[in-house]
Amino acid sequence: MKRFQERGIECLDLHGVRHHEVEEVVLDFCLSQQNFIPLKIICGNSKKMIDLCEKSLNNSEITYQMQRYGIILITKI
């Protein structure tokens, strides 16, 4: 997991995060960075990682869009 800024957008890279950790990591990132929306989450090419991330966001009613396959843009918390 790596947090960084890209073109003024706070980003979270989930590479290296285990599947059972995704929900906690994603929610922690979103809530701790909610003052800096939009936020970007990089899931990579893993369909399972994307599904887990989307499930976590949907359960928390966080609005997002899939910018490209494997990249999620958080637009509203």
PDB file of N, CA and C in Angstrom:
ATOM      1  N   MET A   1       0.844  -1.173   0.000  1.00  0.00           N
ATOM      2  CA  MET A   1       0.000   0.000   0.000  1.00  0.00           C
ATOM      3  C   MET A   1       0.888   1.235   0.000  1.00  0.00           C
ATOM      4  N   LYS A   2       0.472   2.178  -0.813  1.00  0.00           N
ATOM      5  CA  LYS A   2       1.249   3.401  -0.914  1.00  0.00           C
ATOM      6  C   LYS A   2       0.287   4.571  -1.088  1.00  0.00           C
ATOM      7  N   ARG A   3       0.502   5.624  -0.320  1.00  0.00           N
ATOM      8  CA  ARG A   3      -0.274   6.858  -0.465  1.00  0.00           C
ATOM      9  C   ARG A   3       0.628   7.909  -1.088  1.00  0.00           C
ATOM     10  N   PHE A   4       0.089   8.650  -2.042  1.00  0.00           N
ATOM     11  CA  PHE A   4       0.864   9.694  -2.697  1.00  0.00           C
ATOM     12  C   PHE A   4      -0.082  10.703  -3.331  1.00  0.00           C
ATOM     13  N   GLN A   5       0.475  11.759  -3.848  1.00  0.00           N
ATOM     14  CA  GLN A   5      -0.306  12.792  -4.512  1.00  0.00           C
ATOM     15  C   GLN A   5       0.085  12.821  -5.984  1.00  0.00           C
ATOM     16  N   GLU A   6      -0.927  12.879  -6.853  1.00  0.00           N
ATOM     17  CA  GLU A   6      -0.688  12.919  -8.289  1.00  0.00           C
ATOM     18  C   GLU A   6      -1.541  14.030  -8.889  1.00  0.00           C
ATOM     19  N   ARG A   7      -0.899  15.046  -9.408  1.00  0.00           N
ATOM     20  CA  ARG A   7      -1.592  16.203  -9.990  1.00  0.00           C
ATOM     21  C   ARG A   7      -2.601  16.805  -9.010  1.00  0.00           C
ATOM     22  N   GLY A   8      -2.208  16.879  -7.752  1.00  0.00           N
ATOM     23  CA  GLY A   8      -3.044  17.486  -6.730  1.00  0.00           C
ATOM     24  C   GLY A   8      -4.133  16.589  -6.175  1.00  0.00           C
ATOM     25  N   ILE A   9      -4.180  15.326  -6.586  1.00  0.00           N
ATOM     26  CA  ILE A   9      -5.192  14.381  -6.109  1.00  0.00           C
ATOM     27  C   ILE A   9      -4.527  13.364  -5.187  1.00  0.00           C
ATOM     28  N   GLU A  10      -5.114  13.180  -4.002  1.00  0.00           N
ATOM     29  CA  GLU A  10      -4.622  12.171  -3.059  1.00  0.00           C
ATOM     30  C   GLU A  10      -4.929  10.785  -3.623  1.00  0.00           C
ATOM     31  N   CYS A  11      -3.932   9.905  -3.626  1.00  0.00           N
ATOM     32  CA  CYS A  11      -4.072   8.578  -4.221  1.00  0.00           C
ATOM     33  C   CYS A  11      -3.705   7.484  -3.220  1.00  0.00           C
ATOM     34  N   LEU A  12      -4.364   6.351  -3.386  1.00  0.00           N
ATOM     35  CA  LEU A  12      -4.052   5.149  -2.615  1.00  0.00           C
ATOM     36  C   LEU A  12      -3.807   4.020  -3.606  1.00  0.00           C
ATOM     37  N   ASP A  13      -2.657   3.398  -3.533  1.00  0.00           N
ATOM     38  CA  ASP A  13      -2.318   2.262  -4.388  1.00  0.00           C
ATOM     39  C   ASP A  13      -2.466   0.994  -3.551  1.00  0.00           C
ATOM     40  N   LEU A  14      -3.366   0.107  -3.962  1.00  0.00           N
ATOM     41  CA  LEU A  14      -3.653  -1.101  -3.190  1.00  0.00           C
ATOM     42  C   LEU A  14      -2.731  -2.271  -3.518  1.00  0.00           C
ATOM     43  N   HIS A  15      -1.749  -2.079  -4.381  1.00  0.00           N
ATOM     44  CA  HIS A  15      -0.812  -3.163  -4.667  1.00  0.00           C
ATOM     45  C   HIS A  15      -0.119  -3.576  -3.369  1.00  0.00           C
ATOM     46  N   GLY A  16      -0.132  -4.857  -3.090  1.00  0.00           N
ATOM     47  CA  GLY A  16       0.491  -5.380  -1.880  1.00  0.00           C
ATOM     48  C   GLY A  16      -0.464  -5.528  -0.711  1.00  0.00           C
ATOM     49  N   VAL A  17      -1.685  -5.001  -0.838  1.00  0.00           N
ATOM     50  CA  VAL A  17      -2.684  -5.132   0.230  1.00  0.00           C
ATOM     51  C   VAL A  17      -3.386  -6.478   0.060  1.00  0.00           C
ATOM     52  N   ARG A  18      -3.519  -7.212   1.136  1.00  0.00           N
ATOM     53  CA  ARG A  18      -4.206  -8.506   1.089  1.00  0.00           C
ATOM     54  C   ARG A  18      -5.716  -8.282   1.020  1.00  0.00           C
ATOM     55  N   HIS A  19      -6.396  -9.240   0.400  1.00  0.00           N
ATOM     56  CA  HIS A  19      -7.836  -9.095   0.179  1.00  0.00           C
ATOM     57  C   HIS A  19      -8.606  -8.848   1.473  1.00  0.00           C
ATOM     58  N   HIS A  20      -8.239  -9.522   2.543  1.00  0.00           N
ATOM     59  CA  HIS A  20      -8.974  -9.358   3.798  1.00  0.00           C
ATOM     60  C   HIS A  20      -8.720  -7.989   4.451  1.00  0.00           C
ATOM     61  N   GLU A  21      -7.751  -7.233   3.958  1.00  0.00           N
ATOM     62  CA  GLU A  21      -7.437  -5.914   4.513  1.00  0.00           C
ATOM     63  C   GLU A  21      -8.064  -4.763   3.720  1.00  0.00           C
ATOM     64  N   VAL A  22      -8.601  -5.062   2.550  1.00  0.00           N
ATOM     65  CA  VAL A  22      -9.050  -4.015   1.623  1.00  0.00           C
ATOM     66  C   VAL A  22     -10.083  -3.088   2.244  1.00  0.00           C
ATOM     67  N   GLU A  23     -11.132  -3.638   2.849  1.00  0.00           N
ATOM     68  CA  GLU A  23     -12.204  -2.795   3.383  1.00  0.00           C
ATOM     69  C   GLU A  23     -11.667  -1.785   4.396  1.00  0.00           C
ATOM     70  N   GLU A  24     -10.885  -2.242   5.332  1.00  0.00           N
ATOM     71  CA  GLU A  24     -10.343  -1.356   6.368  1.00  0.00           C
ATOM     72  C   GLU A  24      -9.427  -0.283   5.770  1.00  0.00           C
ATOM     73  N   VAL A  25      -8.557  -0.674   4.861  1.00  0.00           N
ATOM     74  CA  VAL A  25      -7.605   0.261   4.253  1.00  0.00           C
ATOM     75  C   VAL A  25      -8.336   1.320   3.424  1.00  0.00           C
ATOM     76  N   VAL A  26      -9.309   0.886   2.625  1.00  0.00           N
ATOM     77  CA  VAL A  26     -10.056   1.814   1.762  1.00  0.00           C
ATOM     78  C   VAL A  26     -10.856   2.806   2.595  1.00  0.00           C
ATOM     79  N   LEU A  27     -11.576   2.314   3.592  1.00  0.00           N
ATOM     80  CA  LEU A  27     -12.383   3.215   4.420  1.00  0.00           C
ATOM     81  C   LEU A  27     -11.516   4.179   5.215  1.00  0.00           C
ATOM     82  N   ASP A  28     -10.407   3.704   5.741  1.00  0.00           N
ATOM     83  CA  ASP A  28      -9.489   4.577   6.475  1.00  0.00           C
ATOM     84  C   ASP A  28      -8.973   5.689   5.568  1.00  0.00           C
ATOM     85  N   PHE A  29      -8.577   5.332   4.358  1.00  0.00           N
ATOM     86  CA  PHE A  29      -8.082   6.329   3.401  1.00  0.00           C
ATOM     87  C   PHE A  29      -9.174   7.348   3.074  1.00  0.00           C
ATOM     88  N   CYS A  30     -10.366   6.873   2.742  1.00  0.00           N
ATOM     89  CA  CYS A  30     -11.457   7.777   2.352  1.00  0.00           C
ATOM     90  C   CYS A  30     -11.834   8.729   3.484  1.00  0.00           C
ATOM     91  N   LEU A  31     -11.977   8.204   4.673  1.00  0.00           N
ATOM     92  CA  LEU A  31     -12.405   9.045   5.794  1.00  0.00           C
ATOM     93  C   LEU A  31     -11.307  10.003   6.247  1.00  0.00           C
ATOM     94  N   SER A  32     -10.065   9.565   6.206  1.00  0.00           N
ATOM     95  CA  SER A  32      -8.977  10.443   6.645  1.00  0.00           C
ATOM     96  C   SER A  32      -8.647  11.522   5.613  1.00  0.00           C
ATOM     97  N   GLN A  33      -9.023  11.304   4.364  1.00  0.00           N
ATOM     98  CA  GLN A  33      -8.707  12.254   3.295  1.00  0.00           C
ATOM     99  C   GLN A  33      -9.955  12.930   2.723  1.00  0.00           C
ATOM    100  N   GLN A  34     -11.090  12.826   3.410  1.00  0.00           N
ATOM    101  CA  GLN A  34     -12.351  13.319   2.854  1.00  0.00           C
ATOM    102  C   GLN A  34     -12.368  14.823   2.584  1.00  0.00           C
ATOM    103  N   ASN A  35     -11.488  15.569   3.182  1.00  0.00           N
ATOM    104  CA  ASN A  35     -11.421  17.013   2.916  1.00  0.00           C
ATOM    105  C   ASN A  35     -10.702  17.331   1.614  1.00  0.00           C
ATOM    106  N   PHE A  36     -10.160  16.305   0.966  1.00  0.00           N
ATOM    107  CA  PHE A  36      -9.358  16.511  -0.248  1.00  0.00           C
ATOM    108  C   PHE A  36      -9.977  15.863  -1.486  1.00  0.00           C
ATOM    109  N   ILE A  37     -11.287  15.665  -1.481  1.00  0.00           N
ATOM    110  CA  ILE A  37     -11.973  15.030  -2.612  1.00  0.00           C
ATOM    111  C   ILE A  37     -11.778  15.866  -3.860  1.00  0.00           C
ATOM    112  N   PRO A  38     -11.558  15.275  -5.025  1.00  0.00           N
ATOM    113  CA  PRO A  38     -11.647  13.848  -5.330  1.00  0.00           C
ATOM    114  C   PRO A  38     -10.421  13.071  -4.850  1.00  0.00           C
ATOM    115  N   LEU A  39     -10.649  11.781  -4.622  1.00  0.00           N
ATOM    116  CA  LEU A  39      -9.587  10.860  -4.225  1.00  0.00           C
ATOM    117  C   LEU A  39      -9.479   9.760  -5.274  1.00  0.00           C
ATOM    118  N   LYS A  40      -8.313   9.178  -5.392  1.00  0.00           N
ATOM    119  CA  LYS A  40      -8.115   8.112  -6.373  1.00  0.00           C
ATOM    120  C   LYS A  40      -7.616   6.860  -5.669  1.00  0.00           C
ATOM    121  N   ILE A  41      -8.229   5.717  -6.024  1.00  0.00           N
ATOM    122  CA  ILE A  41      -7.790   4.425  -5.510  1.00  0.00           C
ATOM    123  C   ILE A  41      -7.358   3.573  -6.697  1.00  0.00           C
ATOM    124  N   ILE A  42      -6.130   3.085  -6.639  1.00  0.00           N
ATOM    125  CA  ILE A  42      -5.597   2.242  -7.703  1.00  0.00           C
ATOM    126  C   ILE A  42      -5.683   0.792  -7.236  1.00  0.00           C
ATOM    127  N   CYS A  43      -6.565   0.033  -7.890  1.00  0.00           N
ATOM    128  CA  CYS A  43      -6.775  -1.372  -7.535  1.00  0.00           C
ATOM    129  C   CYS A  43      -5.903  -2.306  -8.358  1.00  0.00           C
ATOM    130  N   GLY A  44      -5.510  -1.884  -9.530  1.00  0.00           N
ATOM    131  CA  GLY A  44      -4.767  -2.754 -10.435  1.00  0.00           C
ATOM    132  C   GLY A  44      -5.714  -3.587 -11.276  1.00  0.00           C
ATOM    133  N   ASN A  45      -5.209  -4.645 -11.865  1.00  0.00           N
ATOM    134  CA  ASN A  45      -5.989  -5.462 -12.794  1.00  0.00           C
ATOM    135  C   ASN A  45      -6.742  -6.606 -12.137  1.00  0.00           C
ATOM    136  N   SER A  46      -6.642  -6.745 -10.829  1.00  0.00           N
ATOM    137  CA  SER A  46      -7.310  -7.835 -10.125  1.00  0.00           C
ATOM    138  C   SER A  46      -8.808  -7.557 -10.008  1.00  0.00           C
ATOM    139  N   LYS A  47      -9.615  -8.391 -10.664  1.00  0.00           N
ATOM    140  CA  LYS A  47     -11.076  -8.251 -10.599  1.00  0.00           C
ATOM    141  C   LYS A  47     -11.550  -8.379  -9.153  1.00  0.00           C
ATOM    142  N   LYS A  48     -10.963  -9.298  -8.413  1.00  0.00           N
ATOM    143  CA  LYS A  48     -11.356  -9.487  -7.006  1.00  0.00           C
ATOM    144  C   LYS A  48     -11.052  -8.235  -6.181  1.00  0.00           C
ATOM    145  N   MET A  49      -9.896  -7.614  -6.393  1.00  0.00           N
ATOM    146  CA  MET A  49      -9.529  -6.400  -5.655  1.00  0.00           C
ATOM    147  C   MET A  49     -10.501  -5.266  -5.991  1.00  0.00           C
ATOM    148  N   ILE A  50     -10.849  -5.133  -7.257  1.00  0.00           N
ATOM    149  CA  ILE A  50     -11.809  -4.107  -7.677  1.00  0.00           C
ATOM    150  C   ILE A  50     -13.157  -4.360  -7.020  1.00  0.00           C
ATOM    151  N   ASP A  51     -13.624  -5.612  -7.051  1.00  0.00           N
ATOM    152  CA  ASP A  51     -14.915  -5.960  -6.446  1.00  0.00           C
ATOM    153  C   ASP A  51     -14.926  -5.681  -4.951  1.00  0.00           C
ATOM    154  N   LEU A  52     -13.850  -6.025  -4.248  1.00  0.00           N
ATOM    155  CA  LEU A  52     -13.775  -5.781  -2.806  1.00  0.00           C
ATOM    156  C   LEU A  52     -13.789  -4.286  -2.495  1.00  0.00           C
ATOM    157  N   CYS A  53     -13.082  -3.521  -3.283  1.00  0.00           N
ATOM    158  CA  CYS A  53     -13.030  -2.074  -3.096  1.00  0.00           C
ATOM    159  C   CYS A  53     -14.409  -1.459  -3.349  1.00  0.00           C
ATOM    160  N   GLU A  54     -15.056  -1.858  -4.442  1.00  0.00           N
ATOM    161  CA  GLU A  54     -16.390  -1.336  -4.753  1.00  0.00           C
ATOM    162  C   GLU A  54     -17.403  -1.733  -3.682  1.00  0.00           C
ATOM    163  N   LYS A  55     -17.319  -2.955  -3.187  1.00  0.00           N
ATOM    164  CA  LYS A  55     -18.225  -3.411  -2.130  1.00  0.00           C
ATOM    165  C   LYS A  55     -18.065  -2.548  -0.878  1.00  0.00           C
ATOM    166  N   SER A  56     -16.834  -2.275  -0.513  1.00  0.00           N
ATOM    167  CA  SER A  56     -16.543  -1.439   0.647  1.00  0.00           C
ATOM    168  C   SER A  56     -17.126  -0.036   0.470  1.00  0.00           C
ATOM    169  N   LEU A  57     -16.936   0.539  -0.702  1.00  0.00           N
ATOM    170  CA  LEU A  57     -17.450   1.884  -0.981  1.00  0.00           C
ATOM    171  C   LEU A  57     -18.975   1.897  -1.006  1.00  0.00           C
ATOM    172  N   ASN A  58     -19.582   0.889  -1.626  1.00  0.00           N
ATOM    173  CA  ASN A  58     -21.045   0.815  -1.685  1.00  0.00           C
ATOM    174  C   ASN A  58     -21.652   0.652  -0.297  1.00  0.00           C
ATOM    175  N   ASN A  59     -21.046  -0.186   0.540  1.00  0.00           N
ATOM    176  CA  ASN A  59     -21.551  -0.393   1.900  1.00  0.00           C
ATOM    177  C   ASN A  59     -21.513   0.892   2.719  1.00  0.00           C
ATOM    178  N   SER A  60     -20.578   1.766   2.412  1.00  0.00           N
ATOM    179  CA  SER A  60     -20.435   3.034   3.139  1.00  0.00           C
ATOM    180  C   SER A  60     -21.110   4.197   2.417  1.00  0.00           C
ATOM    181  N   GLU A  61     -21.821   3.875   1.326  1.00  0.00           N
ATOM    182  CA  GLU A  61     -22.540   4.878   0.534  1.00  0.00           C
ATOM    183  C   GLU A  61     -21.622   6.002   0.052  1.00  0.00           C
ATOM    184  N   ILE A  62     -20.433   5.630  -0.360  1.00  0.00           N
ATOM    185  CA  ILE A  62     -19.464   6.570  -0.919  1.00  0.00           C
ATOM    186  C   ILE A  62     -19.633   6.569  -2.436  1.00  0.00           C
ATOM    187  N   THR A  63     -19.754   7.762  -3.019  1.00  0.00           N
ATOM    188  CA  THR A  63     -19.968   7.894  -4.456  1.00  0.00           C
ATOM    189  C   THR A  63     -18.629   7.854  -5.180  1.00  0.00           C
ATOM    190  N   TYR A  64     -18.586   7.070  -6.245  1.00  0.00           N
ATOM    191  CA  TYR A  64     -17.346   6.902  -7.000  1.00  0.00           C
ATOM    192  C   TYR A  64     -17.657   6.617  -8.461  1.00  0.00           C
ATOM    193  N   GLN A  65     -16.635   6.680  -9.266  1.00  0.00           N
ATOM    194  CA  GLN A  65     -16.739   6.261 -10.664  1.00  0.00           C
ATOM    195  C   GLN A  65     -15.457   5.529 -11.042  1.00  0.00           C
ATOM    196  N   MET A  66     -15.606   4.615 -11.983  1.00  0.00           N
ATOM    197  CA  MET A  66     -14.443   3.877 -12.472  1.00  0.00           C
ATOM    198  C   MET A  66     -13.826   4.720 -13.579  1.00  0.00           C
ATOM    199  N   GLN A  67     -12.692   5.328 -13.272  1.00  0.00           N
ATOM    200  CA  GLN A  67     -12.031   6.222 -14.218  1.00  0.00           C
ATOM    201  C   GLN A  67     -11.479   5.425 -15.402  1.00  0.00           C
ATOM    202  N   ARG A  68     -10.776   4.382 -15.104  1.00  0.00           N
ATOM    203  CA  ARG A  68     -10.284   3.389 -16.062  1.00  0.00           C
ATOM    204  C   ARG A  68     -10.356   2.060 -15.327  1.00  0.00           C
ATOM    205  N   TYR A  69     -10.206   0.968 -16.045  1.00  0.00           N
ATOM    206  CA  TYR A  69     -10.244  -0.326 -15.379  1.00  0.00           C
ATOM    207  C   TYR A  69      -9.154  -0.376 -14.310  1.00  0.00           C
ATOM    208  N   GLY A  70      -9.578  -0.608 -13.073  1.00  0.00           N
ATOM    209  CA  GLY A  70      -8.626  -0.706 -11.970  1.00  0.00           C
ATOM    210  C   GLY A  70      -8.326   0.597 -11.258  1.00  0.00           C
ATOM    211  N   ILE A  71      -8.943   1.703 -11.710  1.00  0.00           N
ATOM    212  CA  ILE A  71      -8.736   3.005 -11.065  1.00  0.00           C
ATOM    213  C   ILE A  71     -10.092   3.592 -10.697  1.00  0.00           C
ATOM    214  N   ILE A  72     -10.298   3.820  -9.411  1.00  0.00           N
ATOM    215  CA  ILE A  72     -11.569   4.328  -8.894  1.00  0.00           C
ATOM    216  C   ILE A  72     -11.372   5.756  -8.408  1.00  0.00           C
ATOM    217  N   LEU A  73     -12.272   6.630  -8.817  1.00  0.00           N
ATOM    218  CA  LEU A  73     -12.233   8.032  -8.409  1.00  0.00           C
ATOM    219  C   LEU A  73     -13.378   8.280  -7.430  1.00  0.00           C
ATOM    220  N   ILE A  74     -13.055   8.662  -6.200  1.00  0.00           N
ATOM    221  CA  ILE A  74     -14.050   8.967  -5.171  1.00  0.00           C
ATOM    222  C   ILE A  74     -14.512  10.401  -5.394  1.00  0.00           C
ATOM    223  N   THR A  75     -15.829  10.588  -5.552  1.00  0.00           N
ATOM    224  CA  THR A  75     -16.352  11.917  -5.848  1.00  0.00           C
ATOM    225  C   THR A  75     -17.174  12.524  -4.717  1.00  0.00           C
ATOM    226  N   LYS A  76     -17.656  11.686  -3.783  1.00  0.00           N
ATOM    227  CA  LYS A  76     -18.468  12.214  -2.679  1.00  0.00           C
ATOM    228  C   LYS A  76     -18.488  11.214  -1.530  1.00  0.00           C
ATOM    229  N   ILE A  77     -18.340  11.770  -0.307  1.00  0.00           N
ATOM    230  CA  ILE A  77     -18.416  10.922   0.893  1.00  0.00           C
ATOM    231  C   ILE A  77     -19.569  11.416   1.744  1.00  0.00           C
TER     232      ILE A  77
END
